[in-house]
């Protein structure tokens, strides 16, 4: 049996945690995970796209209004044409950072990211109309709530594919 040094064990531990660190930095801002992975051009592209979509959609203003409970104003401020790009960019950047750092090795592990992006987009589309418990949630809170069915759908479909699709 090969003896492992303390340094090798530490670097193995860091590389296992690196995928989660990069995932969480990508949640904070799309592109940060790519920069941590050493993919500077890709990271700068994601940051630039995030900035462009954020500015064009008035996303920061929408977030502030939503946190203040001014949902109707947030809906009025939202440029949905631009805001619709955000969920796919956001979840793809998370998936990409996670995968490049060594995550996502299990088959179909991208499904939770993909279906979260789909469901958040649907939540965004209906965010000016859907009320839950007689509350209009708006373009920030309703899409965030739709992450839950997105992840559930993604994990369920991944489970079905793993169980019933033959492996090559």
N, C-alpha and C. Protein backbone atom coordinates (compact mmCIF):
# COMPACT_ATOMS: atom_id res chain seq x y z
N UNK A 1 0.84 -1.18 0.00
CA UNK A 1 0.00 0.00 0.00
C UNK A 1 0.88 1.24 0.00
N UNK A 2 0.51 2.20 -0.84
CA UNK A 2 1.30 3.41 -0.97
C UNK A 2 1.03 4.35 0.20
N UNK A 3 2.13 4.88 0.78
CA UNK A 3 1.99 5.82 1.89
C UNK A 3 1.78 7.22 1.30
N UNK A 4 0.80 7.93 1.83
CA UNK A 4 0.47 9.26 1.34
C UNK A 4 0.98 10.31 2.32
N UNK A 5 1.56 11.36 1.79
CA UNK A 5 2.06 12.43 2.64
C UNK A 5 0.90 13.31 3.10
N UNK A 6 1.16 14.07 4.14
CA UNK A 6 0.14 15.00 4.65
C UNK A 6 -0.19 16.05 3.59
N UNK A 7 0.81 16.47 2.81
CA UNK A 7 0.57 17.46 1.77
C UNK A 7 -0.34 16.90 0.68
N UNK A 8 -0.12 15.66 0.28
CA UNK A 8 -0.96 15.03 -0.75
C UNK A 8 -2.39 14.92 -0.25
N UNK A 9 -2.56 14.51 1.00
CA UNK A 9 -3.91 14.41 1.57
C UNK A 9 -4.58 15.77 1.60
N UNK A 10 -3.84 16.81 1.99
CA UNK A 10 -4.40 18.16 2.05
C UNK A 10 -4.80 18.63 0.66
N UNK A 11 -3.95 18.41 -0.36
CA UNK A 11 -4.31 18.87 -1.72
C UNK A 11 -5.48 18.08 -2.27
N UNK A 12 -5.59 16.79 -1.94
CA UNK A 12 -6.76 16.01 -2.35
C UNK A 12 -8.02 16.59 -1.71
N UNK A 13 -7.94 16.93 -0.43
CA UNK A 13 -9.08 17.52 0.27
C UNK A 13 -9.46 18.85 -0.36
N UNK A 14 -8.48 19.67 -0.67
CA UNK A 14 -8.77 20.98 -1.26
C UNK A 14 -9.39 20.84 -2.64
N UNK A 15 -8.93 19.89 -3.44
CA UNK A 15 -9.50 19.73 -4.77
C UNK A 15 -10.93 19.22 -4.69
N UNK A 16 -11.24 18.40 -3.68
CA UNK A 16 -12.63 17.94 -3.50
C UNK A 16 -13.52 19.11 -3.11
N UNK A 17 -13.03 20.00 -2.27
CA UNK A 17 -13.83 21.15 -1.84
C UNK A 17 -13.84 22.25 -2.88
N UNK A 18 -12.87 22.27 -3.76
CA UNK A 18 -12.75 23.32 -4.76
C UNK A 18 -14.00 23.43 -5.63
N UNK A 19 -14.60 22.29 -5.99
CA UNK A 19 -15.78 22.33 -6.85
C UNK A 19 -16.93 23.04 -6.14
N UNK A 20 -17.06 22.85 -4.83
CA UNK A 20 -18.13 23.53 -4.09
C UNK A 20 -17.80 25.00 -3.86
N UNK A 21 -16.54 25.28 -3.59
CA UNK A 21 -16.13 26.69 -3.44
C UNK A 21 -16.42 27.45 -4.73
N UNK A 22 -16.03 26.86 -5.86
CA UNK A 22 -16.25 27.53 -7.14
C UNK A 22 -17.73 27.65 -7.46
N UNK A 23 -18.51 26.65 -7.09
CA UNK A 23 -19.95 26.71 -7.28
C UNK A 23 -20.54 27.87 -6.48
N UNK A 24 -20.14 28.00 -5.22
CA UNK A 24 -20.68 29.07 -4.38
C UNK A 24 -20.22 30.45 -4.84
N UNK A 25 -18.98 30.58 -5.32
CA UNK A 25 -18.55 31.87 -5.86
C UNK A 25 -19.32 32.20 -7.13
N UNK A 26 -19.66 31.19 -7.91
CA UNK A 26 -20.44 31.42 -9.12
C UNK A 26 -21.87 31.82 -8.78
N UNK A 27 -22.39 31.32 -7.66
CA UNK A 27 -23.70 31.76 -7.20
C UNK A 27 -23.64 33.24 -6.82
N UNK A 28 -22.54 33.65 -6.20
CA UNK A 28 -22.37 35.05 -5.81
C UNK A 28 -22.32 35.95 -7.04
N UNK A 29 -21.57 35.54 -8.06
CA UNK A 29 -21.49 36.30 -9.31
C UNK A 29 -21.01 35.38 -10.42
N UNK A 30 -21.85 35.19 -11.43
CA UNK A 30 -21.42 34.35 -12.56
C UNK A 30 -20.09 34.84 -13.13
N UNK A 31 -19.15 33.92 -13.24
CA UNK A 31 -17.82 34.24 -13.75
C UNK A 31 -16.73 34.09 -12.70
N UNK A 32 -17.09 34.29 -11.42
CA UNK A 32 -16.08 34.16 -10.36
C UNK A 32 -15.56 32.74 -10.27
N UNK A 33 -16.43 31.75 -10.40
CA UNK A 33 -16.00 30.35 -10.35
C UNK A 33 -15.04 30.02 -11.47
N UNK A 34 -15.29 30.57 -12.67
CA UNK A 34 -14.40 30.33 -13.80
C UNK A 34 -13.04 30.95 -13.54
N UNK A 35 -13.01 32.14 -12.95
CA UNK A 35 -11.74 32.79 -12.64
C UNK A 35 -10.96 31.95 -11.63
N UNK A 36 -11.65 31.42 -10.62
CA UNK A 36 -10.99 30.54 -9.66
C UNK A 36 -10.46 29.28 -10.32
N UNK A 37 -11.12 28.83 -11.38
CA UNK A 37 -10.66 27.65 -12.12
C UNK A 37 -9.53 27.98 -13.09
N UNK A 38 -9.14 29.25 -13.15
CA UNK A 38 -8.07 29.64 -14.06
C UNK A 38 -8.56 29.88 -15.49
N UNK A 39 -9.84 29.91 -15.70
CA UNK A 39 -10.44 30.17 -17.03
C UNK A 39 -10.81 31.65 -17.09
N UNK A 40 -9.79 32.50 -17.21
CA UNK A 40 -9.98 33.93 -17.08
C UNK A 40 -10.84 34.53 -18.19
N UNK A 41 -10.62 34.12 -19.42
CA UNK A 41 -11.41 34.67 -20.53
C UNK A 41 -12.88 34.29 -20.38
N UNK A 42 -13.13 33.02 -20.06
CA UNK A 42 -14.51 32.57 -19.86
C UNK A 42 -15.13 33.31 -18.67
N UNK A 43 -14.38 33.47 -17.60
CA UNK A 43 -14.88 34.18 -16.42
C UNK A 43 -15.23 35.61 -16.74
N UNK A 44 -14.35 36.29 -17.47
CA UNK A 44 -14.63 37.68 -17.85
C UNK A 44 -15.82 37.77 -18.79
N UNK A 45 -16.00 36.78 -19.66
CA UNK A 45 -17.17 36.75 -20.53
C UNK A 45 -18.45 36.63 -19.71
N UNK A 46 -18.47 35.70 -18.74
CA UNK A 46 -19.66 35.55 -17.89
C UNK A 46 -19.93 36.82 -17.08
N UNK A 47 -18.89 37.43 -16.52
CA UNK A 47 -19.07 38.66 -15.75
C UNK A 47 -19.61 39.77 -16.66
N UNK A 48 -19.07 39.87 -17.86
CA UNK A 48 -19.54 40.90 -18.81
C UNK A 48 -21.00 40.67 -19.19
N UNK A 49 -21.36 39.43 -19.48
CA UNK A 49 -22.75 39.12 -19.82
C UNK A 49 -23.68 39.39 -18.64
N UNK A 50 -23.24 39.02 -17.44
CA UNK A 50 -24.04 39.28 -16.25
C UNK A 50 -24.25 40.78 -16.07
N UNK A 51 -23.19 41.55 -16.25
CA UNK A 51 -23.28 43.00 -16.11
C UNK A 51 -24.22 43.58 -17.17
N UNK A 52 -24.09 43.15 -18.42
CA UNK A 52 -24.94 43.64 -19.50
C UNK A 52 -26.41 43.34 -19.21
N UNK A 53 -26.72 42.09 -18.86
CA UNK A 53 -28.11 41.71 -18.59
C UNK A 53 -28.62 42.43 -17.35
N UNK A 54 -27.78 42.54 -16.34
CA UNK A 54 -28.17 43.22 -15.10
C UNK A 54 -28.55 44.67 -15.38
N UNK A 55 -27.73 45.37 -16.12
CA UNK A 55 -27.99 46.78 -16.40
C UNK A 55 -29.22 46.94 -17.30
N UNK A 56 -29.27 46.16 -18.39
CA UNK A 56 -30.36 46.29 -19.35
C UNK A 56 -31.72 45.90 -18.76
N UNK A 57 -31.74 44.97 -17.81
CA UNK A 57 -33.00 44.51 -17.23
C UNK A 57 -33.40 45.30 -15.98
N UNK A 58 -32.53 46.20 -15.51
CA UNK A 58 -32.75 46.94 -14.26
C UNK A 58 -32.77 46.01 -13.05
N UNK A 59 -32.01 44.94 -13.12
CA UNK A 59 -32.10 43.89 -12.11
C UNK A 59 -31.76 44.38 -10.70
N UNK A 60 -30.74 45.19 -10.54
CA UNK A 60 -30.39 45.66 -9.19
C UNK A 60 -31.51 46.49 -8.60
N UNK A 61 -32.12 47.34 -9.41
CA UNK A 61 -33.25 48.15 -8.93
C UNK A 61 -34.42 47.24 -8.54
N UNK A 62 -34.67 46.21 -9.35
CA UNK A 62 -35.74 45.25 -9.07
C UNK A 62 -35.48 44.53 -7.75
N UNK A 63 -34.23 44.16 -7.52
CA UNK A 63 -33.88 43.47 -6.27
C UNK A 63 -34.12 44.38 -5.07
N UNK A 64 -33.67 45.63 -5.16
CA UNK A 64 -33.86 46.58 -4.05
C UNK A 64 -35.35 46.79 -3.78
N UNK A 65 -36.13 47.03 -4.83
CA UNK A 65 -37.57 47.23 -4.66
C UNK A 65 -38.23 45.99 -4.05
N UNK A 66 -37.81 44.82 -4.49
CA UNK A 66 -38.38 43.58 -3.96
C UNK A 66 -38.06 43.40 -2.48
N UNK A 67 -36.85 43.70 -2.09
CA UNK A 67 -36.47 43.59 -0.68
C UNK A 67 -37.26 44.59 0.18
N UNK A 68 -37.63 45.70 -0.41
CA UNK A 68 -38.43 46.70 0.31
C UNK A 68 -39.92 46.39 0.26
N UNK A 69 -40.29 45.30 -0.42
CA UNK A 69 -41.70 44.91 -0.49
C UNK A 69 -42.49 45.68 -1.53
N UNK A 70 -41.82 46.40 -2.39
CA UNK A 70 -42.49 47.20 -3.43
C UNK A 70 -42.55 46.40 -4.73
N UNK A 71 -43.34 45.33 -4.70
CA UNK A 71 -43.37 44.36 -5.79
C UNK A 71 -43.95 44.97 -7.07
N UNK A 72 -45.03 45.73 -6.96
CA UNK A 72 -45.63 46.35 -8.16
C UNK A 72 -44.62 47.25 -8.87
N UNK A 73 -43.86 48.02 -8.09
CA UNK A 73 -42.83 48.88 -8.69
C UNK A 73 -41.73 48.04 -9.32
N UNK A 74 -41.36 46.94 -8.68
CA UNK A 74 -40.34 46.05 -9.24
C UNK A 74 -40.80 45.50 -10.58
N UNK A 75 -42.07 45.12 -10.66
CA UNK A 75 -42.62 44.61 -11.92
C UNK A 75 -42.57 45.69 -12.99
N UNK A 76 -42.91 46.91 -12.62
CA UNK A 76 -42.89 48.03 -13.59
C UNK A 76 -41.47 48.32 -14.07
N UNK A 77 -40.48 48.17 -13.20
CA UNK A 77 -39.09 48.47 -13.55
C UNK A 77 -38.43 47.37 -14.39
N UNK A 78 -38.97 46.16 -14.31
CA UNK A 78 -38.33 45.01 -14.96
C UNK A 78 -38.43 45.10 -16.48
N UNK A 79 -37.31 44.90 -17.13
CA UNK A 79 -37.30 44.71 -18.58
C UNK A 79 -37.22 43.20 -18.79
N UNK A 80 -38.38 42.58 -18.95
CA UNK A 80 -38.45 41.12 -19.01
C UNK A 80 -37.72 40.56 -20.23
N UNK A 81 -37.66 41.32 -21.31
CA UNK A 81 -36.92 40.86 -22.49
C UNK A 81 -35.46 40.58 -22.18
N UNK A 82 -34.86 41.40 -21.35
CA UNK A 82 -33.47 41.18 -20.94
C UNK A 82 -33.39 40.23 -19.75
N UNK A 83 -34.32 40.37 -18.83
CA UNK A 83 -34.26 39.56 -17.61
C UNK A 83 -34.42 38.07 -17.90
N UNK A 84 -35.09 37.72 -18.99
CA UNK A 84 -35.28 36.32 -19.35
C UNK A 84 -33.96 35.60 -19.64
N UNK A 85 -32.91 36.34 -19.99
CA UNK A 85 -31.61 35.72 -20.25
C UNK A 85 -30.90 35.30 -18.96
N UNK A 86 -31.26 35.95 -17.86
CA UNK A 86 -30.49 35.78 -16.63
C UNK A 86 -30.50 34.35 -16.07
N UNK A 87 -31.65 33.67 -15.95
CA UNK A 87 -31.62 32.34 -15.34
C UNK A 87 -30.70 31.35 -16.06
N UNK A 88 -30.74 31.34 -17.39
CA UNK A 88 -29.89 30.39 -18.11
C UNK A 88 -28.41 30.73 -17.96
N UNK A 89 -28.08 32.01 -18.04
CA UNK A 89 -26.69 32.43 -17.83
C UNK A 89 -26.24 32.05 -16.42
N UNK A 90 -27.07 32.33 -15.45
CA UNK A 90 -26.74 32.11 -14.05
C UNK A 90 -26.49 30.63 -13.76
N UNK A 91 -27.42 29.77 -14.16
CA UNK A 91 -27.27 28.35 -13.86
C UNK A 91 -26.21 27.68 -14.73
N UNK A 92 -26.04 28.15 -15.96
CA UNK A 92 -24.97 27.58 -16.78
C UNK A 92 -23.60 27.95 -16.21
N UNK A 93 -23.44 29.17 -15.75
CA UNK A 93 -22.16 29.58 -15.15
C UNK A 93 -21.88 28.76 -13.89
N UNK A 94 -22.92 28.47 -13.10
CA UNK A 94 -22.72 27.63 -11.91
C UNK A 94 -22.29 26.22 -12.32
N UNK A 95 -23.00 25.64 -13.29
CA UNK A 95 -22.67 24.28 -13.76
C UNK A 95 -21.25 24.25 -14.30
N UNK A 96 -20.90 25.21 -15.11
CA UNK A 96 -19.59 25.24 -15.75
C UNK A 96 -18.47 25.34 -14.71
N UNK A 97 -18.63 26.20 -13.71
CA UNK A 97 -17.61 26.35 -12.67
C UNK A 97 -17.48 25.06 -11.86
N UNK A 98 -18.61 24.46 -11.53
CA UNK A 98 -18.64 23.21 -10.77
C UNK A 98 -17.96 22.09 -11.56
N UNK A 99 -18.31 21.97 -12.83
CA UNK A 99 -17.76 20.90 -13.69
C UNK A 99 -16.27 21.09 -13.92
N UNK A 100 -15.85 22.31 -14.22
CA UNK A 100 -14.42 22.57 -14.47
C UNK A 100 -13.55 22.35 -13.24
N UNK A 101 -14.15 22.43 -12.06
CA UNK A 101 -13.39 22.21 -10.83
C UNK A 101 -13.41 20.75 -10.40
N UNK A 102 -13.99 19.88 -11.22
CA UNK A 102 -13.98 18.46 -10.91
C UNK A 102 -15.30 17.89 -10.45
N UNK A 103 -16.34 18.71 -10.40
CA UNK A 103 -17.66 18.21 -10.02
C UNK A 103 -18.39 17.66 -11.24
N UNK A 104 -19.57 17.14 -11.00
CA UNK A 104 -20.41 16.69 -12.09
C UNK A 104 -19.90 15.48 -12.83
N UNK A 105 -19.20 14.61 -12.16
CA UNK A 105 -18.65 13.42 -12.82
C UNK A 105 -19.70 12.30 -12.96
N UNK A 106 -20.72 12.34 -12.14
CA UNK A 106 -21.77 11.33 -12.24
C UNK A 106 -22.62 11.60 -13.49
N UNK A 107 -23.10 10.56 -14.13
CA UNK A 107 -23.92 10.76 -15.33
C UNK A 107 -25.14 11.64 -15.03
N UNK A 108 -25.45 12.48 -15.98
CA UNK A 108 -26.64 13.34 -15.94
C UNK A 108 -26.64 14.32 -14.77
N UNK A 109 -25.49 14.62 -14.22
CA UNK A 109 -25.45 15.52 -13.07
C UNK A 109 -25.77 16.97 -13.45
N UNK A 110 -25.87 17.24 -14.73
CA UNK A 110 -26.24 18.59 -15.17
C UNK A 110 -27.74 18.85 -15.06
N UNK A 111 -28.55 17.78 -14.96
CA UNK A 111 -30.01 17.95 -14.97
C UNK A 111 -30.53 18.92 -13.90
N UNK A 112 -30.10 18.86 -12.65
CA UNK A 112 -30.63 19.82 -11.67
C UNK A 112 -30.35 21.29 -12.06
N UNK A 113 -29.20 21.56 -12.64
CA UNK A 113 -28.89 22.92 -13.08
C UNK A 113 -29.79 23.34 -14.23
N UNK A 114 -29.96 22.45 -15.20
CA UNK A 114 -30.77 22.75 -16.38
C UNK A 114 -32.22 23.00 -16.00
N UNK A 115 -32.78 22.09 -15.20
CA UNK A 115 -34.19 22.24 -14.86
C UNK A 115 -34.43 23.39 -13.89
N UNK A 116 -33.46 23.72 -13.06
CA UNK A 116 -33.58 24.92 -12.23
C UNK A 116 -33.65 26.16 -13.14
N UNK A 117 -32.81 26.21 -14.17
CA UNK A 117 -32.85 27.34 -15.11
C UNK A 117 -34.20 27.40 -15.81
N UNK A 118 -34.73 26.26 -16.27
CA UNK A 118 -36.03 26.24 -16.93
C UNK A 118 -37.13 26.76 -15.99
N UNK A 119 -37.21 26.19 -14.79
CA UNK A 119 -38.27 26.55 -13.87
C UNK A 119 -38.15 28.00 -13.40
N UNK A 120 -36.95 28.49 -13.18
CA UNK A 120 -36.78 29.90 -12.79
C UNK A 120 -37.25 30.81 -13.93
N UNK A 121 -36.97 30.42 -15.16
CA UNK A 121 -37.45 31.20 -16.30
C UNK A 121 -38.97 31.21 -16.33
N UNK A 122 -39.61 30.06 -16.11
CA UNK A 122 -41.08 30.01 -16.06
C UNK A 122 -41.59 30.88 -14.91
N UNK A 123 -40.94 30.80 -13.76
CA UNK A 123 -41.33 31.66 -12.64
C UNK A 123 -41.23 33.12 -12.99
N UNK A 124 -40.20 33.49 -13.72
CA UNK A 124 -40.03 34.87 -14.15
C UNK A 124 -41.13 35.28 -15.11
N UNK A 125 -41.48 34.41 -16.05
CA UNK A 125 -42.52 34.72 -17.03
C UNK A 125 -43.84 35.05 -16.33
N UNK A 126 -44.18 34.28 -15.31
CA UNK A 126 -45.46 34.45 -14.63
C UNK A 126 -45.37 35.31 -13.37
N UNK A 127 -44.23 35.91 -13.11
CA UNK A 127 -44.01 36.63 -11.85
C UNK A 127 -44.89 37.86 -11.67
N UNK A 128 -45.42 38.39 -12.74
CA UNK A 128 -46.29 39.57 -12.60
C UNK A 128 -47.76 39.18 -12.42
N UNK A 129 -48.05 37.86 -12.46
CA UNK A 129 -49.45 37.41 -12.39
C UNK A 129 -49.75 36.41 -11.29
N UNK A 130 -48.80 35.55 -10.97
CA UNK A 130 -49.07 34.47 -10.01
C UNK A 130 -49.01 35.02 -8.59
N UNK A 131 -50.05 34.67 -7.83
CA UNK A 131 -50.04 34.96 -6.40
C UNK A 131 -50.04 33.63 -5.65
N UNK A 132 -49.32 33.59 -4.57
CA UNK A 132 -49.29 32.43 -3.68
C UNK A 132 -49.65 32.95 -2.29
N UNK A 133 -50.66 32.34 -1.67
CA UNK A 133 -51.18 32.82 -0.39
C UNK A 133 -51.60 34.28 -0.48
N UNK A 134 -52.27 34.61 -1.60
CA UNK A 134 -52.76 35.97 -1.87
C UNK A 134 -51.64 37.01 -1.89
N UNK A 135 -50.44 36.58 -2.22
CA UNK A 135 -49.30 37.50 -2.29
C UNK A 135 -48.70 37.44 -3.68
N UNK A 136 -48.52 38.62 -4.27
CA UNK A 136 -47.81 38.73 -5.54
C UNK A 136 -46.32 38.76 -5.21
N UNK A 137 -45.56 37.78 -5.70
CA UNK A 137 -44.16 37.61 -5.31
C UNK A 137 -43.21 38.38 -6.20
N UNK A 138 -43.57 38.64 -7.46
CA UNK A 138 -42.78 39.49 -8.34
C UNK A 138 -41.57 38.82 -8.96
N UNK A 139 -40.77 39.62 -9.69
CA UNK A 139 -39.70 39.08 -10.52
C UNK A 139 -38.43 38.65 -9.79
N UNK A 140 -38.39 38.77 -8.48
CA UNK A 140 -37.24 38.26 -7.72
C UNK A 140 -37.66 37.05 -6.91
N UNK A 141 -38.70 37.19 -6.10
CA UNK A 141 -39.06 36.13 -5.16
C UNK A 141 -39.70 34.92 -5.83
N UNK A 142 -40.60 35.11 -6.80
CA UNK A 142 -41.24 33.95 -7.43
C UNK A 142 -40.21 33.10 -8.18
N UNK A 143 -39.35 33.69 -9.00
CA UNK A 143 -38.33 32.85 -9.65
C UNK A 143 -37.44 32.11 -8.63
N UNK A 144 -37.14 32.76 -7.51
CA UNK A 144 -36.34 32.08 -6.49
C UNK A 144 -37.10 30.89 -5.91
N UNK A 145 -38.41 31.04 -5.71
CA UNK A 145 -39.22 29.92 -5.23
C UNK A 145 -39.25 28.78 -6.25
N UNK A 146 -39.19 29.14 -7.54
CA UNK A 146 -39.26 28.13 -8.60
C UNK A 146 -37.95 27.33 -8.74
N UNK A 147 -36.90 27.73 -8.02
CA UNK A 147 -35.69 26.90 -7.98
C UNK A 147 -36.01 25.54 -7.38
N UNK A 148 -36.89 25.53 -6.38
CA UNK A 148 -37.21 24.29 -5.68
C UNK A 148 -37.81 23.25 -6.62
N UNK A 149 -38.92 23.54 -7.33
CA UNK A 149 -39.41 22.52 -8.27
C UNK A 149 -38.41 22.21 -9.39
N UNK A 150 -37.59 23.19 -9.74
CA UNK A 150 -36.57 22.94 -10.75
C UNK A 150 -35.56 21.90 -10.31
N UNK A 151 -35.07 22.04 -9.08
CA UNK A 151 -34.12 21.06 -8.55
C UNK A 151 -34.77 19.70 -8.37
N UNK A 152 -36.00 19.69 -7.85
CA UNK A 152 -36.70 18.42 -7.68
C UNK A 152 -36.88 17.73 -9.03
N UNK A 153 -37.32 18.47 -10.04
CA UNK A 153 -37.48 17.91 -11.38
C UNK A 153 -36.16 17.38 -11.91
N UNK A 154 -35.09 18.17 -11.77
CA UNK A 154 -33.78 17.77 -12.26
C UNK A 154 -33.26 16.51 -11.61
N UNK A 155 -33.38 16.44 -10.28
CA UNK A 155 -32.91 15.23 -9.58
C UNK A 155 -33.78 14.03 -9.91
N UNK A 156 -35.09 14.24 -10.06
CA UNK A 156 -35.99 13.14 -10.40
C UNK A 156 -35.69 12.59 -11.80
N UNK A 157 -35.53 13.48 -12.76
CA UNK A 157 -35.22 13.03 -14.13
C UNK A 157 -33.84 12.38 -14.17
N UNK A 158 -32.90 12.91 -13.42
CA UNK A 158 -31.57 12.28 -13.33
C UNK A 158 -31.70 10.87 -12.77
N UNK A 159 -32.49 10.71 -11.71
CA UNK A 159 -32.71 9.39 -11.12
C UNK A 159 -33.33 8.43 -12.14
N UNK A 160 -34.34 8.89 -12.87
CA UNK A 160 -35.00 8.06 -13.88
C UNK A 160 -34.01 7.66 -14.96
N UNK A 161 -33.23 8.60 -15.43
CA UNK A 161 -32.23 8.29 -16.47
C UNK A 161 -31.20 7.30 -15.95
N UNK A 162 -30.75 7.49 -14.72
CA UNK A 162 -29.74 6.60 -14.14
C UNK A 162 -30.30 5.17 -14.00
N UNK A 163 -31.57 5.08 -13.66
CA UNK A 163 -32.17 3.77 -13.39
C UNK A 163 -32.60 3.05 -14.67
N UNK A 164 -33.10 3.79 -15.66
CA UNK A 164 -33.74 3.14 -16.81
C UNK A 164 -33.04 3.30 -18.15
N UNK A 165 -32.09 4.20 -18.25
CA UNK A 165 -31.37 4.37 -19.51
C UNK A 165 -30.12 3.52 -19.46
N UNK A 166 -29.93 2.63 -20.46
CA UNK A 166 -28.74 1.78 -20.44
C UNK A 166 -27.46 2.59 -20.55
N UNK A 167 -26.46 2.14 -19.82
CA UNK A 167 -25.17 2.83 -19.86
C UNK A 167 -24.33 2.26 -20.98
N UNK A 168 -23.64 3.11 -21.70
CA UNK A 168 -22.80 2.67 -22.82
C UNK A 168 -21.42 2.30 -22.33
